[in-house]
Amino acid sequence: MYSKDAEMAPHDQRDDQPDEQPPPPYEAIPQNLSEAQGISVNDDGRVVVDASSRLCRSLSKLLPNAVRQSVSPPEYSEGVPTFKFPLNIVIQIVGSRGDVQPFVALGAELQNMGHRVRIATHNVFEQFILEAGLEFYPIGGDPADLMSYMVKNPGLIPSLDSVREGDIQKKQLMMAEILHGCWQSCLMPDPITNAPFVANAIIANPPSFAHVHCAQALGIPLHLMFTMPWSPTTAFPHPLANLKNIPADQAWLNRVSYGVVDWLSWQG
């Protein structure tokens, strides 16, 4: 029964009530990033990372300071290892053939070890995947359109011309199709044989975007792989970064450059 006392109860006594406060508003992307954060994006898409910028100093505080111990690689044998529990592995890839082909080689090796491997990528690569003896699942999207968008927008921030011509909305619709296709690739039957499939593990390249969300929803492991360095390291800077005002401790700036590029990617 409703009681007025409940209405007057303090907030900490009504924890079952949802938070009705609206989310914070999104901030507009600064037109001049160099003025806003002390960084700039070149026409070729590379990011000038200034060690003295406020953004670098801020991001360095957010990056974990975990020190990784060097571990000797395992001993390799010529025999093919076998596994007591073979897995259903889906490999999600967004990109050109240059992005897809290395994962085909990986998928073939995993299949030789007894796992079931499904390559989930753009429809145009179906024949290439099937000829390699792997399962294929279409996620939609056109790599030619994606490459065309990247040529028109080499930087991380879309150009005004792309905004005017509706390229942003077209890419959003394509990415929505890809996200949906990646989710379906985790649990839909094989489109050719209709054999049931539920993923036990996901391997993906970063631009497929759906990977971490699919893994969280299914409670399965995820392994991200890319054809170029993308994880922070002190050994060398991000491949899209041009370093400026390099300090004596360049390893620090190398590591921070990955955070700068990641931050700008989300702004775009």
Protein backbone atom coordinates (compact mmCIF):
# COMPACT_ATOMS: atom_id res chain seq x y z
CA MET A 1 0.00 0.00 0.00
CA TYR A 2 1.26 3.48 -0.83
CA SER A 3 2.35 5.58 2.13
CA LYS A 4 3.20 9.25 2.20
CA ASP A 5 6.10 8.33 4.49
CA ALA A 6 7.65 6.51 1.56
CA GLU A 7 7.43 9.66 -0.52
CA MET A 8 9.23 11.59 2.22
CA ALA A 9 11.87 8.88 2.81
CA PRO A 10 15.46 9.94 2.36
CA HIS A 11 17.19 9.01 -0.90
CA ASP A 12 19.42 6.34 0.67
CA GLN A 13 16.32 4.47 1.84
CA ARG A 14 14.95 4.20 -1.69
CA ASP A 15 17.84 2.55 -3.51
CA ASP A 16 15.46 0.65 -5.75
CA GLN A 17 14.43 3.84 -7.52
CA PRO A 18 16.22 4.51 -10.82
CA ASP A 19 18.39 7.56 -11.22
CA GLU A 20 16.20 9.98 -13.17
CA GLN A 21 18.89 12.57 -13.80
CA PRO A 22 19.55 13.08 -17.52
CA PRO A 23 22.96 12.12 -18.93
CA PRO A 24 25.52 14.93 -19.31
CA PRO A 25 25.35 16.79 -22.64
CA TYR A 26 27.95 16.03 -25.28
CA GLU A 27 30.47 18.75 -25.91
CA ALA A 28 30.98 20.03 -29.43
CA ILE A 29 34.25 19.00 -31.04
CA PRO A 30 36.65 21.97 -30.99
CA GLN A 31 37.23 23.30 -34.49
CA ASN A 32 40.85 23.95 -33.65
CA LEU A 33 42.18 21.07 -31.61
CA SER A 34 45.65 22.59 -31.43
CA GLU A 35 44.24 25.54 -29.50
CA ALA A 36 41.99 23.41 -27.30
CA GLN A 37 44.46 20.69 -26.29
CA GLY A 38 47.86 21.60 -27.75
CA ILE A 39 47.71 18.98 -30.53
CA SER A 40 46.97 19.03 -34.26
CA VAL A 41 46.04 16.62 -37.06
CA ASN A 42 47.93 16.78 -40.35
CA ASP A 43 46.25 16.43 -43.74
CA ASP A 44 47.75 12.95 -44.11
CA GLY A 45 45.91 11.78 -40.99
CA ARG A 46 48.94 11.73 -38.70
CA VAL A 47 48.63 13.33 -35.27
CA VAL A 48 51.23 15.76 -33.96
CA VAL A 49 51.79 14.72 -30.34
CA ASP A 50 53.39 17.52 -28.34
CA ALA A 51 54.97 16.31 -25.10
CA SER A 52 54.34 19.70 -23.49
CA SER A 53 50.61 19.76 -24.30
CA ARG A 54 47.95 19.65 -21.62
CA LEU A 55 46.35 16.60 -23.26
CA CYS A 56 49.57 14.56 -23.02
CA ARG A 57 50.02 15.41 -19.37
CA SER A 58 46.38 14.56 -18.61
CA LEU A 59 46.37 11.26 -20.48
CA SER A 60 49.64 10.15 -18.89
CA LYS A 61 47.88 10.25 -15.52
CA LEU A 62 45.07 8.01 -16.80
CA LEU A 63 47.29 5.30 -18.30
CA PRO A 64 48.10 2.48 -15.86
CA ASN A 65 51.71 2.26 -14.72
CA ALA A 66 51.88 -1.52 -14.74
CA VAL A 67 55.36 -2.79 -15.53
CA ARG A 68 55.33 -5.95 -17.60
CA GLN A 69 57.95 -8.53 -16.84
CA SER A 70 59.69 -10.07 -19.80
CA VAL A 71 58.52 -13.63 -20.33
CA SER A 72 60.32 -16.18 -22.47
CA PRO A 73 58.19 -17.45 -25.36
CA PRO A 74 56.94 -21.04 -25.12
CA GLU A 75 58.86 -23.81 -26.84
CA TYR A 76 57.46 -24.56 -30.27
CA SER A 77 57.15 -28.07 -31.66
CA GLU A 78 56.55 -29.22 -35.20
CA GLY A 79 53.59 -31.38 -34.20
CA VAL A 80 50.04 -30.02 -34.25
CA PRO A 81 48.73 -29.67 -30.67
CA THR A 82 45.36 -31.15 -29.82
CA PHE A 83 42.77 -29.84 -27.37
CA LYS A 84 40.40 -31.80 -25.19
CA PHE A 85 37.68 -29.19 -25.65
CA PRO A 86 37.59 -27.75 -29.19
CA LEU A 87 36.11 -24.27 -29.39
CA ASN A 88 33.73 -22.44 -31.70
CA ILE A 89 35.78 -19.37 -32.62
CA VAL A 90 34.40 -16.41 -34.57
CA ILE A 91 36.89 -14.00 -36.13
CA GLN A 92 35.34 -10.58 -36.82
CA ILE A 93 37.12 -8.36 -39.35
CA VAL A 94 36.30 -4.97 -40.84
CA GLY A 95 38.60 -3.61 -43.55
CA SER A 96 40.20 -4.43 -46.88
CA ARG A 97 41.60 -7.73 -48.12
CA GLY A 98 44.89 -6.74 -46.49
CA ASP A 99 43.08 -6.81 -43.14
CA VAL A 100 41.27 -10.08 -43.85
CA GLN A 101 44.06 -12.22 -45.29
CA PRO A 102 46.25 -12.53 -42.12
CA PHE A 103 43.22 -13.75 -40.18
CA VAL A 104 42.53 -16.40 -42.81
CA ALA A 105 45.99 -17.85 -42.13
CA LEU A 106 45.31 -17.72 -38.38
CA GLY A 107 41.90 -19.34 -38.83
CA ALA A 108 43.39 -22.16 -40.89
CA GLU A 109 45.91 -22.93 -38.12
CA LEU A 110 43.22 -22.88 -35.44
CA GLN A 111 41.12 -25.22 -37.56
CA ASN A 112 44.07 -27.59 -37.95
CA MET A 113 44.23 -27.73 -34.14
CA GLY A 114 40.67 -29.00 -34.02
CA HIS A 115 38.69 -25.81 -33.42
CA ARG A 116 35.71 -24.72 -35.48
CA VAL A 117 36.48 -21.35 -37.05
CA ARG A 118 34.06 -18.86 -38.56
CA ILE A 119 35.32 -15.76 -40.38
CA ALA A 120 32.79 -12.92 -40.08
CA THR A 121 33.54 -10.13 -42.53
CA HIS A 122 32.24 -8.25 -45.58
CA ASN A 123 30.19 -10.13 -48.16
CA VAL A 124 32.72 -9.50 -50.97
CA PHE A 125 35.23 -11.82 -49.30
CA GLU A 126 32.91 -14.84 -49.15
CA GLN A 127 34.56 -16.81 -51.95
CA PHE A 128 38.04 -16.04 -50.63
CA ILE A 129 37.12 -17.39 -47.19
CA LEU A 130 35.33 -20.48 -48.46
CA GLU A 131 38.20 -21.40 -50.80
CA ALA A 132 40.51 -21.34 -47.76
CA GLY A 133 38.33 -24.07 -46.22
CA LEU A 134 36.87 -21.86 -43.47
CA GLU A 135 33.28 -21.02 -42.55
CA PHE A 136 32.04 -17.61 -43.65
CA TYR A 137 29.42 -15.33 -42.12
CA PRO A 138 28.44 -12.04 -43.84
CA ILE A 139 28.32 -8.93 -41.65
CA GLY A 140 27.50 -6.46 -44.44
CA GLY A 141 29.32 -3.25 -45.21
CA ASP A 142 31.33 -2.43 -48.32
CA PRO A 143 35.12 -2.16 -47.89
CA ALA A 144 35.30 -0.01 -51.04
CA ASP A 145 32.97 2.54 -49.46
CA LEU A 146 34.96 2.44 -46.23
CA MET A 147 38.22 3.04 -48.10
CA SER A 148 36.60 5.87 -50.10
CA TYR A 149 35.51 7.53 -46.85
CA MET A 150 39.04 7.22 -45.46
CA VAL A 151 40.53 8.77 -48.62
CA LYS A 152 38.14 11.73 -48.36
CA ASN A 153 38.81 12.01 -44.61
CA PRO A 154 42.46 11.08 -44.01
CA GLY A 155 42.40 12.76 -40.61
CA LEU A 156 40.63 11.48 -37.53
CA ILE A 157 38.04 14.28 -37.63
CA PRO A 158 35.56 14.20 -40.59
CA SER A 159 35.79 17.10 -43.01
CA LEU A 160 33.00 19.66 -43.49
CA ASP A 161 32.59 18.46 -47.08
CA SER A 162 31.76 14.97 -45.81
CA VAL A 163 29.24 16.43 -43.40
CA ARG A 164 27.57 18.45 -46.18
CA GLU A 165 27.45 15.49 -48.60
CA GLY A 166 25.88 13.16 -46.05
CA ASP A 167 28.90 10.83 -45.85
CA ILE A 168 28.71 10.72 -42.06
CA GLN A 169 25.13 9.44 -42.05
CA LYS A 170 25.95 6.85 -44.75
CA LYS A 171 28.88 5.56 -42.71
CA GLN A 172 26.73 5.44 -39.57
CA LEU A 173 24.14 3.31 -41.39
CA MET A 174 26.88 1.01 -42.69
CA MET A 175 28.39 0.64 -39.22
CA ALA A 176 24.94 -0.14 -37.79
CA GLU A 177 24.65 -2.98 -40.32
CA ILE A 178 28.14 -4.23 -39.43
CA LEU A 179 27.48 -4.12 -35.67
CA HIS A 180 24.28 -6.12 -36.15
CA GLY A 181 26.09 -8.59 -38.42
CA CYS A 182 28.90 -9.09 -35.90
CA TRP A 183 26.38 -9.91 -33.16
CA GLN A 184 24.58 -12.40 -35.40
CA SER A 185 27.91 -14.00 -36.33
CA CYS A 186 28.27 -15.11 -32.70
CA LEU A 187 25.10 -17.18 -32.54
CA MET A 188 23.39 -17.69 -35.89
CA PRO A 189 23.58 -21.01 -37.83
CA ASP A 190 25.91 -21.38 -40.79
CA PRO A 191 24.22 -19.63 -43.75
CA ILE A 192 25.14 -22.48 -46.13
CA THR A 193 24.82 -25.70 -44.11
CA ASN A 194 22.48 -24.36 -41.40
CA ALA A 195 24.71 -26.04 -38.79
CA PRO A 196 24.13 -24.47 -35.34
CA PHE A 197 26.86 -22.17 -34.04
CA VAL A 198 27.40 -20.41 -30.71
CA ALA A 199 30.77 -18.72 -30.20
CA ASN A 200 32.99 -19.81 -27.31
CA ALA A 201 35.60 -17.14 -28.08
CA ILE A 202 35.99 -14.05 -30.27
CA ILE A 203 39.04 -12.84 -32.17
CA ALA A 204 38.63 -9.43 -33.82
CA ASN A 205 40.42 -6.43 -35.25
CA PRO A 206 39.67 -3.11 -33.51
CA PRO A 207 37.63 -1.48 -36.36
CA SER A 208 34.94 -4.16 -36.09
CA PHE A 209 33.82 -2.31 -32.91
CA ALA A 210 31.17 -4.87 -31.82
CA HIS A 211 33.74 -7.32 -30.41
CA VAL A 212 33.88 -6.24 -26.76
CA HIS A 213 30.11 -5.82 -26.51
CA CYS A 214 29.44 -9.27 -27.99
CA ALA A 215 31.99 -10.82 -25.62
CA GLN A 216 30.45 -9.09 -22.60
CA ALA A 217 26.92 -10.11 -23.59
CA LEU A 218 27.90 -13.76 -24.06
CA GLY A 219 30.41 -13.93 -21.20
CA ILE A 220 33.17 -15.31 -23.45
CA PRO A 221 36.84 -14.32 -23.94
CA LEU A 222 37.94 -11.78 -26.54
CA HIS A 223 41.34 -11.41 -28.19
CA LEU A 224 41.98 -8.22 -30.19
CA MET A 225 44.51 -8.39 -33.02
CA PHE A 226 45.55 -5.86 -35.62
CA THR A 227 47.84 -5.63 -38.63
CA MET A 228 49.63 -2.64 -37.09
CA PRO A 229 50.59 -1.68 -33.50
CA TRP A 230 47.60 -0.40 -31.51
CA SER A 231 48.33 -1.23 -27.85
CA PRO A 232 50.35 1.26 -25.75
CA THR A 233 54.04 0.48 -25.54
CA THR A 234 57.15 2.41 -24.50
CA ALA A 235 59.18 0.83 -27.32
CA PHE A 236 57.85 3.06 -30.13
CA PRO A 237 55.07 5.63 -30.70
CA HIS A 238 51.68 5.03 -32.28
CA PRO A 239 52.12 4.59 -36.07
CA LEU A 240 49.80 7.57 -36.70
CA ALA A 241 51.72 9.88 -34.34
CA ASN A 242 54.39 12.48 -35.08
CA LEU A 243 56.27 13.29 -31.89
CA LYS A 244 57.13 16.88 -31.01
CA ASN A 245 59.19 18.36 -28.14
CA ILE A 246 60.48 14.91 -27.25
CA PRO A 247 61.59 14.76 -23.59
CA ALA A 248 64.64 12.94 -22.26
CA ASP A 249 62.33 10.06 -21.38
CA GLN A 250 60.99 9.34 -24.86
CA ALA A 251 59.52 6.04 -23.66
CA TRP A 252 56.95 8.07 -21.70
CA LEU A 253 55.88 9.99 -24.82
CA ASN A 254 55.81 6.82 -26.92
CA ARG A 255 53.28 5.34 -24.54
CA VAL A 256 51.17 8.50 -24.24
CA SER A 257 50.91 8.81 -28.05
CA TYR A 258 48.55 5.80 -28.11
CA GLY A 259 46.22 7.52 -25.66
CA VAL A 260 46.22 10.71 -27.75
CA VAL A 261 45.29 8.88 -30.96
CA ASP A 262 42.62 6.86 -29.15
CA TRP A 263 41.14 10.04 -27.62
CA LEU A 264 41.03 11.75 -31.02
CA SER A 265 39.47 8.68 -32.66
CA TRP A 266 36.55 8.83 -30.23
CA GLN A 267 36.17 12.59 -30.84
CA GLY A 268 35.83 11.85 -34.56
